[in-house]
Amino acid sequence: MNIGYILGAIAVVPYEISQWLEPLLMILMALMGIGAIICILMQKGTNDNIGSLGGSETDTYAGKNKSKSKESVLRKLTVVFGVLVMILSVVYFIVKQ
């Protein structure tokens, strides 16, 4: 898929459509940003490096199943929300031109 073709198609959005598309994209960006903030605030801090200095065991059941834990889901959601904000902001400024 040619990215230049996609950007060119977005750039020629008629004026009538861009009038309602701009506020819609702004609202979506705000919602994605709020979602990212909530995901970041719900994550708890990690002290993995400090725990290894004291000789604590890191080979636990929770350590083996990190990919299914709440923290990993929140981390993935944070990345998804961040990428969506970036994509929406690029589309917004292309439509705004």
PDB file of N, CA and C in Angstrom:
ATOM      1  N   MET A   1       0.841  -1.166   0.000  1.00  0.00           N
ATOM      2  CA  MET A   1       0.000   0.000   0.000  1.00  0.00           C
ATOM      3  C   MET A   1       0.898   1.244   0.000  1.00  0.00           C
ATOM      4  N   ASN A   2       0.636   2.160  -0.883  1.00  0.00           N
ATOM      5  CA  ASN A   2       1.440   3.361  -1.034  1.00  0.00           C
ATOM      6  C   ASN A   2       0.959   4.440  -0.063  1.00  0.00           C
ATOM      7  N   ILE A   3       1.826   4.869   0.853  1.00  0.00           N
ATOM      8  CA  ILE A   3       1.449   5.865   1.865  1.00  0.00           C
ATOM      9  C   ILE A   3       1.224   7.231   1.230  1.00  0.00           C
ATOM     10  N   GLY A   4       1.912   7.523   0.152  1.00  0.00           N
ATOM     11  CA  GLY A   4       1.706   8.800  -0.537  1.00  0.00           C
ATOM     12  C   GLY A   4       0.311   8.909  -1.118  1.00  0.00           C
ATOM     13  N   TYR A   5      -0.206   7.809  -1.618  1.00  0.00           N
ATOM     14  CA  TYR A   5      -1.562   7.791  -2.162  1.00  0.00           C
ATOM     15  C   TYR A   5      -2.591   8.044  -1.064  1.00  0.00           C
ATOM     16  N   ILE A   6      -2.382   7.430   0.094  1.00  0.00           N
ATOM     17  CA  ILE A   6      -3.304   7.614   1.216  1.00  0.00           C
ATOM     18  C   ILE A   6      -3.267   9.050   1.704  1.00  0.00           C
ATOM     19  N   LEU A   7      -2.075   9.600   1.861  1.00  0.00           N
ATOM     20  CA  LEU A   7      -1.958  10.986   2.323  1.00  0.00           C
ATOM     21  C   LEU A   7      -2.522  11.957   1.291  1.00  0.00           C
ATOM     22  N   GLY A   8      -2.356  11.648   0.027  1.00  0.00           N
ATOM     23  CA  GLY A   8      -2.931  12.491  -1.020  1.00  0.00           C
ATOM     24  C   GLY A   8      -4.447  12.450  -1.016  1.00  0.00           C
ATOM     25  N   ALA A   9      -5.004  11.276  -0.743  1.00  0.00           N
ATOM     26  CA  ALA A   9      -6.462  11.150  -0.690  1.00  0.00           C
ATOM     27  C   ALA A   9      -7.024  11.899   0.507  1.00  0.00           C
ATOM     28  N   ILE A  10      -6.310  11.891   1.612  1.00  0.00           N
ATOM     29  CA  ILE A  10      -6.775  12.620   2.798  1.00  0.00           C
ATOM     30  C   ILE A  10      -6.653  14.117   2.575  1.00  0.00           C
ATOM     31  N   ALA A  11      -5.628  14.538   1.851  1.00  0.00           N
ATOM     32  CA  ALA A  11      -5.362  15.963   1.665  1.00  0.00           C
ATOM     33  C   ALA A  11      -6.417  16.656   0.811  1.00  0.00           C
ATOM     34  N   VAL A  12      -7.161  15.926   0.004  1.00  0.00           N
ATOM     35  CA  VAL A  12      -8.156  16.545  -0.863  1.00  0.00           C
ATOM     36  C   VAL A  12      -9.579  16.366  -0.319  1.00  0.00           C
ATOM     37  N   VAL A  13      -9.696  16.418   0.993  1.00  0.00           N
ATOM     38  CA  VAL A  13     -11.007  16.308   1.630  1.00  0.00           C
ATOM     39  C   VAL A  13     -11.789  17.580   1.324  1.00  0.00           C
ATOM     40  N   PRO A  14     -13.002  17.447   0.834  1.00  0.00           N
ATOM     41  CA  PRO A  14     -13.806  18.645   0.549  1.00  0.00           C
ATOM     42  C   PRO A  14     -14.036  19.496   1.803  1.00  0.00           C
ATOM     43  N   TYR A  15     -14.261  20.779   1.580  1.00  0.00           N
ATOM     44  CA  TYR A  15     -14.402  21.736   2.679  1.00  0.00           C
ATOM     45  C   TYR A  15     -15.575  21.382   3.589  1.00  0.00           C
ATOM     46  N   GLU A  16     -16.693  20.941   3.026  1.00  0.00           N
ATOM     47  CA  GLU A  16     -17.866  20.614   3.833  1.00  0.00           C
ATOM     48  C   GLU A  16     -17.596  19.449   4.780  1.00  0.00           C
ATOM     49  N   ILE A  17     -16.860  18.473   4.288  1.00  0.00           N
ATOM     50  CA  ILE A  17     -16.543  17.315   5.125  1.00  0.00           C
ATOM     51  C   ILE A  17     -15.531  17.693   6.192  1.00  0.00           C
ATOM     52  N   SER A  18     -14.560  18.528   5.845  1.00  0.00           N
ATOM     53  CA  SER A  18     -13.548  18.904   6.826  1.00  0.00           C
ATOM     54  C   SER A  18     -14.129  19.745   7.961  1.00  0.00           C
ATOM     55  N   GLN A  19     -15.271  20.391   7.724  1.00  0.00           N
ATOM     56  CA  GLN A  19     -15.900  21.191   8.770  1.00  0.00           C
ATOM     57  C   GLN A  19     -16.383  20.336   9.937  1.00  0.00           C
ATOM     58  N   TRP A  20     -16.873  19.153   9.678  1.00  0.00           N
ATOM     59  CA  TRP A  20     -17.302  18.290  10.776  1.00  0.00           C
ATOM     60  C   TRP A  20     -16.241  17.257  11.136  1.00  0.00           C
ATOM     61  N   LEU A  21     -15.264  17.038  10.232  1.00  0.00           N
ATOM     62  CA  LEU A  21     -14.216  16.065  10.513  1.00  0.00           C
ATOM     63  C   LEU A  21     -13.188  16.598  11.515  1.00  0.00           C
ATOM     64  N   GLU A  22     -12.877  17.897  11.435  1.00  0.00           N
ATOM     65  CA  GLU A  22     -11.899  18.478  12.355  1.00  0.00           C
ATOM     66  C   GLU A  22     -12.322  18.362  13.816  1.00  0.00           C
ATOM     67  N   PRO A  23     -13.547  18.786  14.189  1.00  0.00           N
ATOM     68  CA  PRO A  23     -13.938  18.619  15.598  1.00  0.00           C
ATOM     69  C   PRO A  23     -14.024  17.159  16.025  1.00  0.00           C
ATOM     70  N   LEU A  24     -14.439  16.283  15.111  1.00  0.00           N
ATOM     71  CA  LEU A  24     -14.518  14.862  15.432  1.00  0.00           C
ATOM     72  C   LEU A  24     -13.137  14.295  15.749  1.00  0.00           C
ATOM     73  N   LEU A  25     -12.137  14.662  14.937  1.00  0.00           N
ATOM     74  CA  LEU A  25     -10.776  14.187  15.181  1.00  0.00           C
ATOM     75  C   LEU A  25     -10.221  14.747  16.481  1.00  0.00           C
ATOM     76  N   MET A  26     -10.554  16.008  16.787  1.00  0.00           N
ATOM     77  CA  MET A  26     -10.094  16.599  18.054  1.00  0.00           C
ATOM     78  C   MET A  26     -10.699  15.874  19.252  1.00  0.00           C
ATOM     79  N   ILE A  27     -11.981  15.545  19.168  1.00  0.00           N
ATOM     80  CA  ILE A  27     -12.638  14.823  20.259  1.00  0.00           C
ATOM     81  C   ILE A  27     -12.023  13.439  20.424  1.00  0.00           C
ATOM     82  N   LEU A  28     -11.772  12.757  19.307  1.00  0.00           N
ATOM     83  CA  LEU A  28     -11.143  11.430  19.378  1.00  0.00           C
ATOM     84  C   LEU A  28      -9.740  11.505  19.960  1.00  0.00           C
ATOM     85  N   MET A  29      -8.967  12.537  19.579  1.00  0.00           N
ATOM     86  CA  MET A  29      -7.628  12.700  20.148  1.00  0.00           C
ATOM     87  C   MET A  29      -7.694  12.928  21.648  1.00  0.00           C
ATOM     88  N   ALA A  30      -8.655  13.745  22.093  1.00  0.00           N
ATOM     89  CA  ALA A  30      -8.804  14.007  23.523  1.00  0.00           C
ATOM     90  C   ALA A  30      -9.175  12.731  24.272  1.00  0.00           C
ATOM     91  N   LEU A  31     -10.082  11.945  23.726  1.00  0.00           N
ATOM     92  CA  LEU A  31     -10.486  10.704  24.383  1.00  0.00           C
ATOM     93  C   LEU A  31      -9.334   9.699  24.440  1.00  0.00           C
ATOM     94  N   MET A  32      -8.567   9.592  23.364  1.00  0.00           N
ATOM     95  CA  MET A  32      -7.414   8.691  23.365  1.00  0.00           C
ATOM     96  C   MET A  32      -6.350   9.165  24.360  1.00  0.00           C
ATOM     97  N   GLY A  33      -6.154  10.473  24.449  1.00  0.00           N
ATOM     98  CA  GLY A  33      -5.201  11.012  25.414  1.00  0.00           C
ATOM     99  C   GLY A  33      -5.631  10.749  26.846  1.00  0.00           C
ATOM    100  N   ILE A  34      -6.913  10.918  27.128  1.00  0.00           N
ATOM    101  CA  ILE A  34      -7.426  10.628  28.470  1.00  0.00           C
ATOM    102  C   ILE A  34      -7.294   9.144  28.779  1.00  0.00           C
ATOM    103  N   GLY A  35      -7.562   8.296  27.792  1.00  0.00           N
ATOM    104  CA  GLY A  35      -7.378   6.859  27.982  1.00  0.00           C
ATOM    105  C   GLY A  35      -5.931   6.497  28.285  1.00  0.00           C
ATOM    106  N   ALA A  36      -4.990   7.131  27.600  1.00  0.00           N
ATOM    107  CA  ALA A  36      -3.571   6.877  27.857  1.00  0.00           C
ATOM    108  C   ALA A  36      -3.181   7.338  29.252  1.00  0.00           C
ATOM    109  N   ILE A  37      -3.681   8.497  29.665  1.00  0.00           N
ATOM    110  CA  ILE A  37      -3.376   9.002  31.008  1.00  0.00           C
ATOM    111  C   ILE A  37      -3.912   8.063  32.073  1.00  0.00           C
ATOM    112  N   ILE A  38      -5.134   7.575  31.892  1.00  0.00           N
ATOM    113  CA  ILE A  38      -5.720   6.655  32.865  1.00  0.00           C
ATOM    114  C   ILE A  38      -4.921   5.358  32.942  1.00  0.00           C
ATOM    115  N   CYS A  39      -4.511   4.835  31.784  1.00  0.00           N
ATOM    116  CA  CYS A  39      -3.713   3.604  31.781  1.00  0.00           C
ATOM    117  C   CYS A  39      -2.370   3.804  32.467  1.00  0.00           C
ATOM    118  N   ILE A  40      -1.749   4.944  32.251  1.00  0.00           N
ATOM    119  CA  ILE A  40      -0.458   5.227  32.881  1.00  0.00           C
ATOM    120  C   ILE A  40      -0.618   5.342  34.390  1.00  0.00           C
ATOM    121  N   LEU A  41      -1.669   6.031  34.839  1.00  0.00           N
ATOM    122  CA  LEU A  41      -1.872   6.200  36.274  1.00  0.00           C
ATOM    123  C   LEU A  41      -2.268   4.904  36.981  1.00  0.00           C
ATOM    124  N   MET A  42      -2.870   3.975  36.270  1.00  0.00           N
ATOM    125  CA  MET A  42      -3.256   2.702  36.873  1.00  0.00           C
ATOM    126  C   MET A  42      -2.083   1.733  37.018  1.00  0.00           C
ATOM    127  N   GLN A  43      -1.003   1.978  36.291  1.00  0.00           N
ATOM    128  CA  GLN A  43       0.156   1.104  36.392  1.00  0.00           C
ATOM    129  C   GLN A  43       0.898   1.397  37.682  1.00  0.00           C
ATOM    130  N   LYS A  44       1.398   0.338  38.294  1.00  0.00           N
ATOM    131  CA  LYS A  44       2.179   0.558  39.503  1.00  0.00           C
ATOM    132  C   LYS A  44       3.661   0.533  39.158  1.00  0.00           C
ATOM    133  N   GLY A  45       4.441   1.237  39.947  1.00  0.00           N
ATOM    134  CA  GLY A  45       5.872   1.316  39.702  1.00  0.00           C
ATOM    135  C   GLY A  45       6.543  -0.023  39.947  1.00  0.00           C
ATOM    136  N   THR A  46       7.636  -0.256  39.240  1.00  0.00           N
ATOM    137  CA  THR A  46       8.363  -1.509  39.414  1.00  0.00           C
ATOM    138  C   THR A  46       9.705  -1.220  40.068  1.00  0.00           C
ATOM    139  N   ASN A  47      10.081  -2.108  40.942  1.00  0.00           N
ATOM    140  CA  ASN A  47      11.381  -2.034  41.605  1.00  0.00           C
ATOM    141  C   ASN A  47      12.142  -3.333  41.371  1.00  0.00           C
ATOM    142  N   ASP A  48      12.106  -3.819  40.135  1.00  0.00           N
ATOM    143  CA  ASP A  48      12.745  -5.093  39.814  1.00  0.00           C
ATOM    144  C   ASP A  48      14.242  -5.060  40.085  1.00  0.00           C
ATOM    145  N   ASN A  49      14.904  -3.973  39.747  1.00  0.00           N
ATOM    146  CA  ASN A  49      16.352  -3.895  39.921  1.00  0.00           C
ATOM    147  C   ASN A  49      16.734  -3.844  41.392  1.00  0.00           C
ATOM    148  N   ILE A  50      15.945  -3.170  42.198  1.00  0.00           N
ATOM    149  CA  ILE A  50      16.258  -3.078  43.617  1.00  0.00           C
ATOM    150  C   ILE A  50      16.040  -4.424  44.296  1.00  0.00           C
ATOM    151  N   GLY A  51      15.033  -5.162  43.885  1.00  0.00           N
ATOM    152  CA  GLY A  51      14.769  -6.474  44.469  1.00  0.00           C
ATOM    153  C   GLY A  51      15.879  -7.461  44.194  1.00  0.00           C
ATOM    154  N   SER A  52      16.510  -7.373  43.054  1.00  0.00           N
ATOM    155  CA  SER A  52      17.581  -8.313  42.728  1.00  0.00           C
ATOM    156  C   SER A  52      18.844  -8.027  43.529  1.00  0.00           C
ATOM    157  N   LEU A  53      19.023  -6.803  44.010  1.00  0.00           N
ATOM    158  CA  LEU A  53      20.186  -6.477  44.833  1.00  0.00           C
ATOM    159  C   LEU A  53      20.110  -7.168  46.185  1.00  0.00           C
ATOM    160  N   GLY A  54      18.930  -7.297  46.718  1.00  0.00           N
ATOM    161  CA  GLY A  54      18.749  -7.930  48.021  1.00  0.00           C
ATOM    162  C   GLY A  54      18.754  -9.433  47.967  1.00  0.00           C
ATOM    163  N   GLY A  55      18.772 -10.011  46.820  1.00  0.00           N
ATOM    164  CA  GLY A  55      18.802 -11.457  46.680  1.00  0.00           C
ATOM    165  C   GLY A  55      17.434 -12.086  46.671  1.00  0.00           C
ATOM    166  N   SER A  56      16.387 -11.297  46.440  1.00  0.00           N
ATOM    167  CA  SER A  56      15.049 -11.875  46.422  1.00  0.00           C
ATOM    168  C   SER A  56      14.852 -12.688  45.150  1.00  0.00           C
ATOM    169  N   GLU A  57      13.964 -13.663  45.249  1.00  0.00           N
ATOM    170  CA  GLU A  57      13.719 -14.520  44.098  1.00  0.00           C
ATOM    171  C   GLU A  57      12.779 -13.837  43.119  1.00  0.00           C
ATOM    172  N   THR A  58      13.140 -13.895  41.858  1.00  0.00           N
ATOM    173  CA  THR A  58      12.274 -13.351  40.825  1.00  0.00           C
ATOM    174  C   THR A  58      11.606 -14.463  40.029  1.00  0.00           C
ATOM    175  N   ASP A  59      11.909 -15.703  40.395  1.00  0.00           N
ATOM    176  CA  ASP A  59      11.339 -16.844  39.679  1.00  0.00           C
ATOM    177  C   ASP A  59      10.084 -17.317  40.405  1.00  0.00           C
ATOM    178  N   THR A  60       9.039 -16.534  40.348  1.00  0.00           N
ATOM    179  CA  THR A  60       7.782 -16.872  40.996  1.00  0.00           C
ATOM    180  C   THR A  60       6.731 -17.158  39.944  1.00  0.00           C
ATOM    181  N   TYR A  61       5.578 -17.600  40.413  1.00  0.00           N
ATOM    182  CA  TYR A  61       4.476 -17.861  39.483  1.00  0.00           C
ATOM    183  C   TYR A  61       4.052 -16.592  38.771  1.00  0.00           C
ATOM    184  N   ALA A  62       3.988 -15.470  39.514  1.00  0.00           N
ATOM    185  CA  ALA A  62       3.611 -14.187  38.908  1.00  0.00           C
ATOM    186  C   ALA A  62       4.663 -13.739  37.894  1.00  0.00           C
ATOM    187  N   GLY A  63       5.918 -14.002  38.156  1.00  0.00           N
ATOM    188  CA  GLY A  63       6.974 -13.619  37.233  1.00  0.00           C
ATOM    189  C   GLY A  63       6.940 -14.420  35.942  1.00  0.00           C
ATOM    190  N   LYS A  64       6.515 -15.675  36.034  1.00  0.00           N
ATOM    191  CA  LYS A  64       6.436 -16.516  34.833  1.00  0.00           C
ATOM    192  C   LYS A  64       5.249 -16.159  33.958  1.00  0.00           C
ATOM    193  N   ASN A  65       4.180 -15.626  34.555  1.00  0.00           N
ATOM    194  CA  ASN A  65       2.964 -15.304  33.812  1.00  0.00           C
ATOM    195  C   ASN A  65       2.777 -13.802  33.641  1.00  0.00           C
ATOM    196  N   LYS A  66       3.863 -13.098  33.379  1.00  0.00           N
ATOM    197  CA  LYS A  66       3.776 -11.644  33.230  1.00  0.00           C
ATOM    198  C   LYS A  66       2.973 -11.219  32.011  1.00  0.00           C
ATOM    199  N   SER A  67       2.970 -12.014  30.966  1.00  0.00           N
ATOM    200  CA  SER A  67       2.273 -11.602  29.743  1.00  0.00           C
ATOM    201  C   SER A  67       0.762 -11.580  29.932  1.00  0.00           C
ATOM    202  N   LYS A  68       0.240 -12.264  30.936  1.00  0.00           N
ATOM    203  CA  LYS A  68      -1.189 -12.311  31.174  1.00  0.00           C
ATOM    204  C   LYS A  68      -1.620 -11.416  32.335  1.00  0.00           C
ATOM    205  N   SER A  69      -0.701 -10.710  32.930  1.00  0.00           N
ATOM    206  CA  SER A  69      -1.026  -9.935  34.120  1.00  0.00           C
ATOM    207  C   SER A  69      -1.681  -8.606  33.757  1.00  0.00           C
ATOM    208  N   LYS A  70      -2.251  -7.977  34.770  1.00  0.00           N
ATOM    209  CA  LYS A  70      -2.921  -6.686  34.587  1.00  0.00           C
ATOM    210  C   LYS A  70      -1.923  -5.621  34.124  1.00  0.00           C
ATOM    211  N   GLU A  71      -0.707  -5.682  34.638  1.00  0.00           N
ATOM    212  CA  GLU A  71       0.299  -4.684  34.269  1.00  0.00           C
ATOM    213  C   GLU A  71       0.654  -4.755  32.794  1.00  0.00           C
ATOM    214  N   SER A  72       0.751  -5.968  32.264  1.00  0.00           N
ATOM    215  CA  SER A  72       1.103  -6.087  30.845  1.00  0.00           C
ATOM    216  C   SER A  72      -0.035  -5.605  29.957  1.00  0.00           C
ATOM    217  N   VAL A  73      -1.280  -5.849  30.372  1.00  0.00           N
ATOM    218  CA  VAL A  73      -2.423  -5.355  29.599  1.00  0.00           C
ATOM    219  C   VAL A  73      -2.440  -3.832  29.607  1.00  0.00           C
ATOM    220  N   LEU A  74      -2.188  -3.240  30.775  1.00  0.00           N
ATOM    221  CA  LEU A  74      -2.161  -1.778  30.858  1.00  0.00           C
ATOM    222  C   LEU A  74      -1.013  -1.192  30.034  1.00  0.00           C
ATOM    223  N   ARG A  75       0.125  -1.871  30.040  1.00  0.00           N
ATOM    224  CA  ARG A  75       1.272  -1.403  29.255  1.00  0.00           C
ATOM    225  C   ARG A  75       0.952  -1.432  27.759  1.00  0.00           C
ATOM    226  N   LYS A  76       0.302  -2.504  27.311  1.00  0.00           N
ATOM    227  CA  LYS A  76      -0.064  -2.609  25.898  1.00  0.00           C
ATOM    228  C   LYS A  76      -1.122  -1.571  25.520  1.00  0.00           C
ATOM    229  N   LEU A  77      -2.097  -1.351  26.404  1.00  0.00           N
ATOM    230  CA  LEU A  77      -3.115  -0.341  26.143  1.00  0.00           C
ATOM    231  C   LEU A  77      -2.512   1.061  26.058  1.00  0.00           C
ATOM    232  N   THR A  78      -1.518   1.331  26.897  1.00  0.00           N
ATOM    233  CA  THR A  78      -0.851   2.630  26.854  1.00  0.00           C
ATOM    234  C   THR A  78      -0.183   2.853  25.503  1.00  0.00           C
ATOM    235  N   VAL A  79       0.471   1.834  24.990  1.00  0.00           N
ATOM    236  CA  VAL A  79       1.120   1.947  23.684  1.00  0.00           C
ATOM    237  C   VAL A  79       0.077   2.149  22.587  1.00  0.00           C
ATOM    238  N   VAL A  80      -1.028   1.402  22.657  1.00  0.00           N
ATOM    239  CA  VAL A  80      -2.078   1.524  21.641  1.00  0.00           C
ATOM    240  C   VAL A  80      -2.670   2.937  21.662  1.00  0.00           C
ATOM    241  N   PHE A  81      -2.995   3.455  22.850  1.00  0.00           N
ATOM    242  CA  PHE A  81      -3.545   4.801  22.947  1.00  0.00           C
ATOM    243  C   PHE A  81      -2.555   5.844  22.430  1.00  0.00           C
ATOM    244  N   GLY A  82      -1.280   5.691  22.742  1.00  0.00           N
ATOM    245  CA  GLY A  82      -0.276   6.641  22.263  1.00  0.00           C
ATOM    246  C   GLY A  82      -0.148   6.644  20.757  1.00  0.00           C
ATOM    247  N   VAL A  83      -0.145   5.450  20.164  1.00  0.00           N
ATOM    248  CA  VAL A  83      -0.050   5.355  18.700  1.00  0.00           C
ATOM    249  C   VAL A  83      -1.291   5.957  18.050  1.00  0.00           C
ATOM    250  N   LEU A  84      -2.471   5.706  18.621  1.00  0.00           N
ATOM    251  CA  LEU A  84      -3.696   6.271  18.056  1.00  0.00           C
ATOM    252  C   LEU A  84      -3.707   7.794  18.133  1.00  0.00           C
ATOM    253  N   VAL A  85      -3.190   8.352  19.227  1.00  0.00           N
ATOM    254  CA  VAL A  85      -3.110   9.814  19.335  1.00  0.00           C
ATOM    255  C   VAL A  85      -2.198  10.370  18.254  1.00  0.00           C
ATOM    256  N   MET A  86      -1.064   9.713  18.014  1.00  0.00           N
ATOM    257  CA  MET A  86      -0.144  10.199  16.983  1.00  0.00           C
ATOM    258  C   MET A  86      -0.769  10.120  15.590  1.00  0.00           C
ATOM    259  N   ILE A  87      -1.424   9.008  15.291  1.00  0.00           N
ATOM    260  CA  ILE A  87      -2.042   8.849  13.976  1.00  0.00           C
ATOM    261  C   ILE A  87      -3.156   9.873  13.777  1.00  0.00           C
ATOM    262  N   LEU A  88      -3.992  10.043  14.794  1.00  0.00           N
ATOM    263  CA  LEU A  88      -5.086  11.008  14.688  1.00  0.00           C
ATOM    264  C   LEU A  88      -4.577  12.436  14.548  1.00  0.00           C
ATOM    265  N   SER A  89      -3.481  12.756  15.222  1.00  0.00           N
ATOM    266  CA  SER A  89      -2.954  14.122  15.105  1.00  0.00           C
ATOM    267  C   SER A  89      -2.380  14.375  13.717  1.00  0.00           C
ATOM    268  N   VAL A  90      -1.736  13.378  13.119  1.00  0.00           N
ATOM    269  CA  VAL A  90      -1.222  13.550  11.758  1.00  0.00           C
ATOM    270  C   VAL A  90      -2.382  13.727  10.783  1.00  0.00           C
ATOM    271  N   VAL A  91      -3.419  12.908  10.912  1.00  0.00           N
ATOM    272  CA  VAL A  91      -4.585  13.016  10.030  1.00  0.00           C
ATOM    273  C   VAL A  91      -5.270  14.374  10.237  1.00  0.00           C
ATOM    274  N   TYR A  92      -5.354  14.819  11.485  1.00  0.00           N
ATOM    275  CA  TYR A  92      -6.004  16.108  11.769  1.00  0.00           C
ATOM    276  C   TYR A  92      -5.281  17.256  11.055  1.00  0.00           C
ATOM    277  N   PHE A  93      -3.974  17.295  11.149  1.00  0.00           N
ATOM    278  CA  PHE A  93      -3.242  18.400  10.541  1.00  0.00           C
ATOM    279  C   PHE A  93      -3.186  18.306   9.019  1.00  0.00           C
ATOM    280  N   ILE A  94      -3.341  17.110   8.471  1.00  0.00           N
ATOM    281  CA  ILE A  94      -3.448  16.986   7.018  1.00  0.00           C
ATOM    282  C   ILE A  94      -4.798  17.502   6.563  1.00  0.00           C
ATOM    283  N   VAL A  95      -5.856  17.142   7.290  1.00  0.00           N
ATOM    284  CA  VAL A  95      -7.206  17.612   6.938  1.00  0.00           C
ATOM    285  C   VAL A  95      -7.329  19.116   7.128  1.00  0.00           C
ATOM    286  N   LYS A  96      -6.650  19.652   8.132  1.00  0.00           N
ATOM    287  CA  LYS A  96      -6.738  21.074   8.446  1.00  0.00           C
ATOM    288  C   LYS A  96      -6.155  21.952   7.337  1.00  0.00           C
ATOM    289  N   GLN A  97      -5.247  21.449   6.542  1.00  0.00           N
ATOM    290  CA  GLN A  97      -4.607  22.247   5.498  1.00  0.00           C
ATOM    291  C   GLN A  97      -5.553  22.640   4.434  1.00  0.00           C
TER     292      GLN A  97
END
